[in-house]
Amino acid sequence: MTYEEFADTRLAPLLRYAVMLTGDPHQAQDLVQETMVRVQLNWRRVVRADSPERYVRRMLTNQYVDWKRGSWMRRVLLRGEPDESLPASVDHAQSAVDRDQIWSWLSRLPRRQRATLVLRYYEDLPDAEIADILGCAVGTVRSSISRALATLRAEYVEVRS
């Protein structure tokens, strides 16, 4: 497989994954672009991996977790894009408010916790593969997910009270 073939087949899924990590399509594009530049520069090593796709996903995840940007990144309001394939709900305004609230809660999670949630619930990966991607122990993945969910539950209870 060549780099061009890999990019043609895997760019869209990597971009969707990056959008889930960042919460912003523009930042996701930047993240994928920076990662793909690194992939191209290290293509020989990537293609020799057991699973090049998993190797690149790990690169992208590490790039996201380590991403150091100026303070403007912390001021970006994260909003999800509506999924056109789902039937429209009756109250569009409430759906937008709920979606924005969830993105707001996710944006306040530490990056590693957010990455574990995305890998578990969006990518539907098992704990062992998440641990491999993040370069940590399976127990660390489980505790990160547990802490992230506890934080989200606390936020939810606080809003509903």
N, C-alpha and C. Protein backbone atom coordinates (compact mmCIF):
# COMPACT_ATOMS: atom_id res chain seq x y z
N MET A 1 0.85 -1.17 0.00
CA MET A 1 0.00 0.00 0.00
C MET A 1 0.90 1.24 0.00
N THR A 2 0.53 2.22 -0.80
CA THR A 2 1.27 3.47 -0.84
C THR A 2 0.63 4.48 0.10
N TYR A 3 1.35 5.54 0.37
CA TYR A 3 0.81 6.60 1.21
C TYR A 3 -0.45 7.19 0.58
N GLU A 4 -0.42 7.39 -0.73
CA GLU A 4 -1.56 7.97 -1.43
C GLU A 4 -2.80 7.08 -1.31
N GLU A 5 -2.61 5.78 -1.43
CA GLU A 5 -3.73 4.84 -1.29
C GLU A 5 -4.28 4.88 0.14
N PHE A 6 -3.38 4.91 1.10
CA PHE A 6 -3.81 4.98 2.49
C PHE A 6 -4.60 6.27 2.73
N ALA A 7 -4.08 7.39 2.27
CA ALA A 7 -4.74 8.68 2.48
C ALA A 7 -6.11 8.70 1.80
N ASP A 8 -6.19 8.15 0.59
CA ASP A 8 -7.48 8.12 -0.13
C ASP A 8 -8.54 7.34 0.62
N THR A 9 -8.16 6.22 1.22
CA THR A 9 -9.15 5.36 1.87
C THR A 9 -9.41 5.72 3.32
N ARG A 10 -8.45 6.31 4.03
CA ARG A 10 -8.60 6.51 5.47
C ARG A 10 -8.75 7.96 5.91
N LEU A 11 -8.65 8.92 4.99
CA LEU A 11 -8.70 10.32 5.39
C LEU A 11 -10.05 10.71 5.97
N ALA A 12 -11.14 10.31 5.33
CA ALA A 12 -12.49 10.67 5.83
C ALA A 12 -12.75 10.08 7.22
N PRO A 13 -12.48 8.79 7.46
CA PRO A 13 -12.69 8.28 8.82
C PRO A 13 -11.79 8.95 9.86
N LEU A 14 -10.56 9.28 9.49
CA LEU A 14 -9.68 9.97 10.43
C LEU A 14 -10.20 11.36 10.75
N LEU A 15 -10.76 12.03 9.75
CA LEU A 15 -11.32 13.35 9.98
C LEU A 15 -12.55 13.28 10.89
N ARG A 16 -13.42 12.29 10.68
CA ARG A 16 -14.58 12.12 11.57
C ARG A 16 -14.12 11.88 13.00
N TYR A 17 -13.12 11.05 13.16
CA TYR A 17 -12.58 10.75 14.48
C TYR A 17 -12.01 12.03 15.12
N ALA A 18 -11.28 12.80 14.34
CA ALA A 18 -10.69 14.04 14.85
C ALA A 18 -11.77 15.05 15.24
N VAL A 19 -12.86 15.10 14.49
CA VAL A 19 -13.96 16.00 14.85
C VAL A 19 -14.53 15.60 16.21
N MET A 20 -14.65 14.31 16.45
CA MET A 20 -15.15 13.86 17.74
C MET A 20 -14.17 14.21 18.86
N LEU A 21 -12.89 14.16 18.59
CA LEU A 21 -11.90 14.52 19.61
C LEU A 21 -11.92 16.01 19.91
N THR A 22 -11.90 16.83 18.87
CA THR A 22 -11.75 18.27 19.05
C THR A 22 -13.07 18.99 19.25
N GLY A 23 -14.14 18.46 18.65
CA GLY A 23 -15.42 19.14 18.73
C GLY A 23 -15.54 20.28 17.73
N ASP A 24 -14.57 20.45 16.90
CA ASP A 24 -14.57 21.55 15.94
C ASP A 24 -14.02 21.05 14.61
N PRO A 25 -14.80 21.17 13.53
CA PRO A 25 -14.33 20.65 12.24
C PRO A 25 -13.05 21.32 11.73
N HIS A 26 -12.86 22.58 12.04
CA HIS A 26 -11.67 23.28 11.55
C HIS A 26 -10.42 22.82 12.31
N GLN A 27 -10.54 22.69 13.62
CA GLN A 27 -9.41 22.17 14.39
C GLN A 27 -9.12 20.72 14.01
N ALA A 28 -10.19 19.97 13.73
CA ALA A 28 -10.02 18.57 13.32
C ALA A 28 -9.24 18.51 12.02
N GLN A 29 -9.56 19.39 11.07
CA GLN A 29 -8.82 19.41 9.81
C GLN A 29 -7.35 19.73 10.05
N ASP A 30 -7.08 20.70 10.93
CA ASP A 30 -5.69 21.03 11.26
C ASP A 30 -4.98 19.84 11.88
N LEU A 31 -5.66 19.17 12.80
CA LEU A 31 -5.08 18.02 13.49
C LEU A 31 -4.77 16.90 12.51
N VAL A 32 -5.71 16.59 11.63
CA VAL A 32 -5.49 15.53 10.64
C VAL A 32 -4.38 15.92 9.68
N GLN A 33 -4.38 17.18 9.26
CA GLN A 33 -3.33 17.62 8.33
C GLN A 33 -1.95 17.47 8.96
N GLU A 34 -1.79 17.92 10.20
CA GLU A 34 -0.49 17.80 10.86
C GLU A 34 -0.10 16.33 11.03
N THR A 35 -1.08 15.51 11.38
CA THR A 35 -0.80 14.09 11.56
C THR A 35 -0.41 13.44 10.24
N MET A 36 -1.13 13.75 9.18
CA MET A 36 -0.84 13.14 7.88
C MET A 36 0.51 13.58 7.32
N VAL A 37 0.93 14.78 7.65
CA VAL A 37 2.28 15.21 7.25
C VAL A 37 3.30 14.32 7.96
N ARG A 38 3.09 14.08 9.25
CA ARG A 38 4.00 13.21 9.99
C ARG A 38 3.95 11.78 9.46
N VAL A 39 2.76 11.34 9.08
CA VAL A 39 2.62 9.99 8.52
C VAL A 39 3.42 9.88 7.24
N GLN A 40 3.29 10.88 6.37
CA GLN A 40 4.02 10.83 5.10
C GLN A 40 5.53 10.83 5.34
N LEU A 41 5.98 11.64 6.28
CA LEU A 41 7.42 11.70 6.56
C LEU A 41 7.93 10.38 7.14
N ASN A 42 7.07 9.65 7.83
CA ASN A 42 7.46 8.39 8.47
C ASN A 42 6.76 7.19 7.83
N TRP A 43 6.41 7.30 6.55
CA TRP A 43 5.60 6.27 5.91
C TRP A 43 6.23 4.88 5.97
N ARG A 44 7.52 4.78 5.81
CA ARG A 44 8.16 3.45 5.84
C ARG A 44 7.90 2.75 7.18
N ARG A 45 8.00 3.49 8.26
CA ARG A 45 7.74 2.91 9.57
C ARG A 45 6.25 2.60 9.74
N VAL A 46 5.39 3.48 9.27
CA VAL A 46 3.94 3.27 9.40
C VAL A 46 3.50 2.04 8.63
N VAL A 47 3.95 1.89 7.41
CA VAL A 47 3.49 0.78 6.57
C VAL A 47 4.01 -0.56 7.08
N ARG A 48 5.11 -0.55 7.83
CA ARG A 48 5.64 -1.80 8.40
C ARG A 48 4.89 -2.23 9.65
N ALA A 49 4.07 -1.37 10.22
CA ALA A 49 3.32 -1.70 11.43
C ALA A 49 2.31 -2.81 11.12
N ASP A 50 1.93 -3.56 12.15
CA ASP A 50 0.93 -4.62 11.97
C ASP A 50 -0.37 -4.07 11.40
N SER A 51 -0.78 -2.91 11.89
CA SER A 51 -2.00 -2.26 11.42
C SER A 51 -1.70 -0.78 11.20
N PRO A 52 -1.41 -0.39 9.96
CA PRO A 52 -1.09 1.02 9.70
C PRO A 52 -2.19 1.98 10.16
N GLU A 53 -3.45 1.56 9.99
CA GLU A 53 -4.55 2.43 10.39
C GLU A 53 -4.53 2.69 11.90
N ARG A 54 -4.31 1.64 12.67
CA ARG A 54 -4.25 1.79 14.12
C ARG A 54 -3.04 2.63 14.52
N TYR A 55 -1.94 2.44 13.83
CA TYR A 55 -0.72 3.22 14.10
C TYR A 55 -1.01 4.71 13.86
N VAL A 56 -1.68 5.02 12.75
CA VAL A 56 -1.97 6.42 12.43
C VAL A 56 -2.99 6.99 13.41
N ARG A 57 -3.98 6.20 13.79
CA ARG A 57 -4.97 6.66 14.77
C ARG A 57 -4.28 6.99 16.10
N ARG A 58 -3.30 6.17 16.45
CA ARG A 58 -2.55 6.44 17.67
C ARG A 58 -1.75 7.73 17.52
N MET A 59 -1.13 7.94 16.36
CA MET A 59 -0.40 9.18 16.11
C MET A 59 -1.34 10.38 16.26
N LEU A 60 -2.53 10.26 15.67
CA LEU A 60 -3.50 11.35 15.71
C LEU A 60 -3.94 11.61 17.15
N THR A 61 -4.21 10.55 17.89
CA THR A 61 -4.65 10.69 19.28
C THR A 61 -3.56 11.34 20.12
N ASN A 62 -2.32 10.89 19.95
CA ASN A 62 -1.21 11.49 20.69
C ASN A 62 -1.03 12.95 20.31
N GLN A 63 -1.18 13.25 19.04
CA GLN A 63 -1.08 14.63 18.57
C GLN A 63 -2.15 15.48 19.24
N TYR A 64 -3.37 14.95 19.35
CA TYR A 64 -4.46 15.67 20.00
C TYR A 64 -4.18 15.88 21.49
N VAL A 65 -3.77 14.83 22.18
CA VAL A 65 -3.52 14.92 23.62
C VAL A 65 -2.40 15.91 23.91
N ASP A 66 -1.38 15.93 23.07
CA ASP A 66 -0.22 16.79 23.29
C ASP A 66 -0.32 18.16 22.64
N TRP A 67 -1.40 18.41 21.94
CA TRP A 67 -1.51 19.65 21.18
C TRP A 67 -1.40 20.86 22.08
N LYS A 68 -0.38 21.65 21.85
CA LYS A 68 -0.17 22.87 22.65
C LYS A 68 -0.41 24.07 21.72
N ARG A 69 -1.49 24.77 21.99
CA ARG A 69 -1.81 25.95 21.18
C ARG A 69 -1.92 27.15 22.10
N GLY A 70 -2.08 28.30 21.50
CA GLY A 70 -2.27 29.52 22.27
C GLY A 70 -3.59 29.51 23.02
N SER A 71 -3.82 30.54 23.81
CA SER A 71 -5.01 30.59 24.65
C SER A 71 -6.30 30.68 23.83
N TRP A 72 -6.22 31.03 22.55
CA TRP A 72 -7.43 31.14 21.75
C TRP A 72 -8.15 29.80 21.67
N MET A 73 -7.42 28.70 21.75
CA MET A 73 -8.07 27.39 21.63
C MET A 73 -9.02 27.15 22.79
N ARG A 74 -8.68 27.64 23.96
CA ARG A 74 -9.54 27.44 25.12
C ARG A 74 -10.81 28.28 25.02
N ARG A 75 -10.82 29.30 24.18
CA ARG A 75 -11.98 30.17 24.06
C ARG A 75 -12.94 29.73 22.96
N VAL A 76 -12.59 28.72 22.19
CA VAL A 76 -13.43 28.27 21.10
C VAL A 76 -14.64 27.55 21.68
N LEU A 77 -15.83 27.96 21.25
CA LEU A 77 -17.05 27.30 21.68
C LEU A 77 -17.26 26.09 20.78
N LEU A 78 -17.32 24.92 21.39
CA LEU A 78 -17.47 23.69 20.62
C LEU A 78 -18.93 23.42 20.34
N ARG A 79 -19.23 23.15 19.09
CA ARG A 79 -20.60 22.81 18.69
C ARG A 79 -20.53 21.61 17.76
N GLY A 80 -21.45 20.69 17.93
CA GLY A 80 -21.52 19.54 17.05
C GLY A 80 -22.32 19.86 15.80
N GLU A 81 -21.98 19.22 14.73
CA GLU A 81 -22.73 19.36 13.49
C GLU A 81 -23.91 18.40 13.54
N PRO A 82 -25.09 18.83 13.09
CA PRO A 82 -26.23 17.92 13.11
C PRO A 82 -26.03 16.76 12.16
N ASP A 83 -26.53 15.61 12.56
CA ASP A 83 -26.45 14.41 11.74
C ASP A 83 -27.67 14.38 10.83
N GLU A 84 -27.43 14.53 9.53
CA GLU A 84 -28.53 14.62 8.56
C GLU A 84 -29.28 13.30 8.41
N SER A 85 -28.67 12.19 8.80
CA SER A 85 -29.32 10.89 8.61
C SER A 85 -30.37 10.59 9.68
N LEU A 86 -30.35 11.32 10.79
CA LEU A 86 -31.32 11.10 11.85
C LEU A 86 -32.59 11.90 11.59
N PRO A 87 -33.75 11.36 11.96
CA PRO A 87 -34.98 12.13 11.77
C PRO A 87 -34.96 13.37 12.65
N ALA A 88 -35.51 14.45 12.14
CA ALA A 88 -35.52 15.71 12.88
C ALA A 88 -36.45 15.59 14.09
N SER A 89 -35.99 16.11 15.21
CA SER A 89 -36.83 16.10 16.40
C SER A 89 -37.84 17.23 16.32
N VAL A 90 -38.83 17.18 17.16
CA VAL A 90 -39.90 18.17 17.13
C VAL A 90 -39.39 19.54 17.55
N ASP A 91 -38.61 19.60 18.61
CA ASP A 91 -38.12 20.87 19.13
C ASP A 91 -36.66 21.06 18.73
N HIS A 92 -36.44 21.74 17.62
CA HIS A 92 -35.08 21.95 17.12
C HIS A 92 -34.26 22.81 18.07
N ALA A 93 -34.87 23.77 18.67
CA ALA A 93 -34.14 24.66 19.57
C ALA A 93 -33.61 23.89 20.78
N GLN A 94 -34.46 23.03 21.35
CA GLN A 94 -34.02 22.26 22.52
C GLN A 94 -32.92 21.28 22.14
N SER A 95 -33.02 20.69 20.96
CA SER A 95 -31.96 19.78 20.51
C SER A 95 -30.63 20.51 20.40
N ALA A 96 -30.66 21.72 19.86
CA ALA A 96 -29.43 22.51 19.72
C ALA A 96 -28.87 22.87 21.10
N VAL A 97 -29.74 23.22 22.02
CA VAL A 97 -29.30 23.56 23.38
C VAL A 97 -28.68 22.34 24.04
N ASP A 98 -29.33 21.19 23.92
CA ASP A 98 -28.81 19.96 24.52
C ASP A 98 -27.46 19.58 23.92
N ARG A 99 -27.35 19.66 22.59
CA ARG A 99 -26.10 19.31 21.91
C ARG A 99 -24.97 20.25 22.34
N ASP A 100 -25.27 21.56 22.41
CA ASP A 100 -24.26 22.53 22.85
C ASP A 100 -23.84 22.27 24.29
N GLN A 101 -24.81 21.89 25.12
CA GLN A 101 -24.49 21.60 26.52
C GLN A 101 -23.57 20.40 26.64
N ILE A 102 -23.83 19.36 25.87
CA ILE A 102 -22.97 18.17 25.89
C ILE A 102 -21.57 18.51 25.39
N TRP A 103 -21.48 19.27 24.29
CA TRP A 103 -20.16 19.66 23.79
C TRP A 103 -19.42 20.51 24.83
N SER A 104 -20.16 21.36 25.53
CA SER A 104 -19.54 22.18 26.57
C SER A 104 -18.98 21.31 27.68
N TRP A 105 -19.73 20.32 28.12
CA TRP A 105 -19.25 19.41 29.16
C TRP A 105 -18.03 18.63 28.68
N LEU A 106 -18.09 18.12 27.44
CA LEU A 106 -16.96 17.36 26.91
C LEU A 106 -15.71 18.23 26.78
N SER A 107 -15.90 19.49 26.43
CA SER A 107 -14.74 20.37 26.23
C SER A 107 -14.00 20.64 27.53
N ARG A 108 -14.67 20.48 28.67
CA ARG A 108 -14.03 20.73 29.97
C ARG A 108 -13.31 19.50 30.51
N LEU A 109 -13.50 18.36 29.88
CA LEU A 109 -12.79 17.15 30.32
C LEU A 109 -11.31 17.25 29.93
N PRO A 110 -10.43 16.66 30.72
CA PRO A 110 -9.03 16.57 30.28
C PRO A 110 -8.95 15.81 28.95
N ARG A 111 -7.99 16.15 28.14
CA ARG A 111 -7.89 15.58 26.79
C ARG A 111 -7.81 14.06 26.79
N ARG A 112 -7.07 13.49 27.69
CA ARG A 112 -6.94 12.02 27.72
C ARG A 112 -8.28 11.37 28.05
N GLN A 113 -9.03 11.96 28.99
CA GLN A 113 -10.35 11.41 29.33
C GLN A 113 -11.30 11.53 28.14
N ARG A 114 -11.25 12.65 27.48
CA ARG A 114 -12.11 12.84 26.31
C ARG A 114 -11.73 11.84 25.22
N ALA A 115 -10.44 11.65 25.02
CA ALA A 115 -9.99 10.70 24.01
C ALA A 115 -10.46 9.29 24.34
N THR A 116 -10.43 8.91 25.62
CA THR A 116 -10.89 7.56 25.97
C THR A 116 -12.38 7.41 25.71
N LEU A 117 -13.17 8.46 26.00
CA LEU A 117 -14.61 8.38 25.72
C LEU A 117 -14.89 8.26 24.22
N VAL A 118 -14.17 9.04 23.43
CA VAL A 118 -14.37 8.99 21.97
C VAL A 118 -13.97 7.61 21.44
N LEU A 119 -12.85 7.10 21.90
CA LEU A 119 -12.41 5.79 21.42
C LEU A 119 -13.38 4.70 21.86
N ARG A 120 -13.94 4.79 23.04
CA ARG A 120 -14.86 3.77 23.53
C ARG A 120 -16.24 3.89 22.88
N TYR A 121 -16.85 5.08 22.93
CA TYR A 121 -18.25 5.21 22.55
C TYR A 121 -18.46 5.65 21.11
N TYR A 122 -17.49 6.29 20.49
CA TYR A 122 -17.64 6.67 19.09
C TYR A 122 -16.97 5.65 18.17
N GLU A 123 -15.74 5.30 18.51
CA GLU A 123 -15.00 4.32 17.70
C GLU A 123 -15.35 2.89 18.08
N ASP A 124 -16.00 2.69 19.25
CA ASP A 124 -16.45 1.38 19.72
C ASP A 124 -15.29 0.39 19.84
N LEU A 125 -14.20 0.85 20.44
CA LEU A 125 -13.02 0.01 20.60
C LEU A 125 -13.00 -0.63 21.98
N PRO A 126 -12.42 -1.82 22.09
CA PRO A 126 -12.28 -2.46 23.41
C PRO A 126 -11.17 -1.77 24.22
N ASP A 127 -11.19 -2.00 25.52
CA ASP A 127 -10.22 -1.36 26.42
C ASP A 127 -8.78 -1.63 26.00
N ALA A 128 -8.48 -2.85 25.60
CA ALA A 128 -7.10 -3.20 25.23
C ALA A 128 -6.62 -2.37 24.04
N GLU A 129 -7.46 -2.17 23.06
CA GLU A 129 -7.05 -1.40 21.89
C GLU A 129 -6.93 0.09 22.22
N ILE A 130 -7.82 0.57 23.09
CA ILE A 130 -7.72 1.97 23.55
C ILE A 130 -6.40 2.16 24.29
N ALA A 131 -6.06 1.22 25.14
CA ALA A 131 -4.80 1.29 25.88
C ALA A 131 -3.61 1.30 24.93
N ASP A 132 -3.70 0.50 23.88
CA ASP A 132 -2.63 0.46 22.89
C ASP A 132 -2.50 1.81 22.18
N ILE A 133 -3.61 2.39 21.79
CA ILE A 133 -3.60 3.68 21.09
C ILE A 133 -3.05 4.78 21.99
N LEU A 134 -3.46 4.79 23.26
CA LEU A 134 -3.04 5.84 24.17
C LEU A 134 -1.69 5.55 24.83
N GLY A 135 -1.20 4.33 24.65
CA GLY A 135 0.09 3.97 25.23
C GLY A 135 0.05 3.90 26.75
N CYS A 136 -1.00 3.28 27.27
CA CYS A 136 -1.14 3.16 28.72
C CYS A 136 -1.70 1.79 29.07
N ALA A 137 -1.89 1.53 30.34
CA ALA A 137 -2.42 0.25 30.79
C ALA A 137 -3.94 0.21 30.65
N VAL A 138 -4.48 -1.00 30.55
CA VAL A 138 -5.93 -1.17 30.44
C VAL A 138 -6.63 -0.57 31.66
N GLY A 139 -6.06 -0.74 32.83
CA GLY A 139 -6.63 -0.16 34.04
C GLY A 139 -6.70 1.35 33.99
N THR A 140 -5.72 1.97 33.36
CA THR A 140 -5.73 3.42 33.20
C THR A 140 -6.87 3.85 32.29
N VAL A 141 -7.11 3.08 31.24
CA VAL A 141 -8.23 3.38 30.34
C VAL A 141 -9.53 3.31 31.12
N ARG A 142 -9.71 2.24 31.86
CA ARG A 142 -10.96 2.06 32.62
C ARG A 142 -11.16 3.18 33.64
N SER A 143 -10.09 3.55 34.33
CA SER A 143 -10.23 4.62 35.32
C SER A 143 -10.49 5.97 34.64
N SER A 144 -9.87 6.20 33.48
CA SER A 144 -10.13 7.44 32.74
C SER A 144 -11.58 7.53 32.31
N ILE A 145 -12.11 6.43 31.80
CA ILE A 145 -13.52 6.42 31.38
C ILE A 145 -14.42 6.61 32.59
N SER A 146 -14.10 5.94 33.67
CA SER A 146 -14.90 6.07 34.89
C SER A 146 -14.91 7.50 35.41
N ARG A 147 -13.74 8.13 35.45
CA ARG A 147 -13.65 9.52 35.92
C ARG A 147 -14.39 10.47 34.99
N ALA A 148 -14.24 10.26 33.69
CA ALA A 148 -14.91 11.13 32.72
C ALA A 148 -16.42 11.02 32.85
N LEU A 149 -16.92 9.79 32.95
CA LEU A 149 -18.36 9.60 33.09
C LEU A 149 -18.87 10.17 34.41
N ALA A 150 -18.09 10.03 35.48
CA ALA A 150 -18.49 10.60 36.77
C ALA A 150 -18.58 12.13 36.68
N THR A 151 -17.62 12.73 35.99
CA THR A 151 -17.65 14.18 35.80
C THR A 151 -18.87 14.60 35.00
N LEU A 152 -19.15 13.87 33.92
CA LEU A 152 -20.32 14.19 33.09
C LEU A 152 -21.62 14.00 33.86
N ARG A 153 -21.70 12.92 34.66
CA ARG A 153 -22.89 12.70 35.47
C ARG A 153 -23.09 13.84 36.47
N ALA A 154 -22.01 14.27 37.10
CA ALA A 154 -22.11 15.37 38.07
C ALA A 154 -22.59 16.65 37.38
N GLU A 155 -22.08 16.92 36.20
CA GLU A 155 -22.52 18.09 35.44
C GLU A 155 -24.01 17.98 35.11
N TYR A 156 -24.43 16.79 34.70
CA TYR A 156 -25.83 16.56 34.33
C TYR A 156 -26.74 16.76 35.54
N VAL A 157 -26.37 16.19 36.69
CA VAL A 157 -27.18 16.32 37.90
C VAL A 157 -27.25 17.79 38.33
N GLU A 158 -26.13 18.49 38.22
CA GLU A 158 -26.09 19.90 38.60
C GLU A 158 -27.05 20.73 37.75
N VAL A 159 -27.10 20.47 36.46
CA VAL A 159 -27.97 21.21 35.54
C VAL A 159 -29.44 20.87 35.81
N ARG A 160 -29.72 19.62 36.06
CA ARG A 160 -31.10 19.17 36.26
C ARG A 160 -31.66 19.54 37.63
N SER A 161 -30.79 19.91 38.57
CA SER A 161 -31.27 20.27 39.93
C SER A 161 -31.88 21.64 39.98
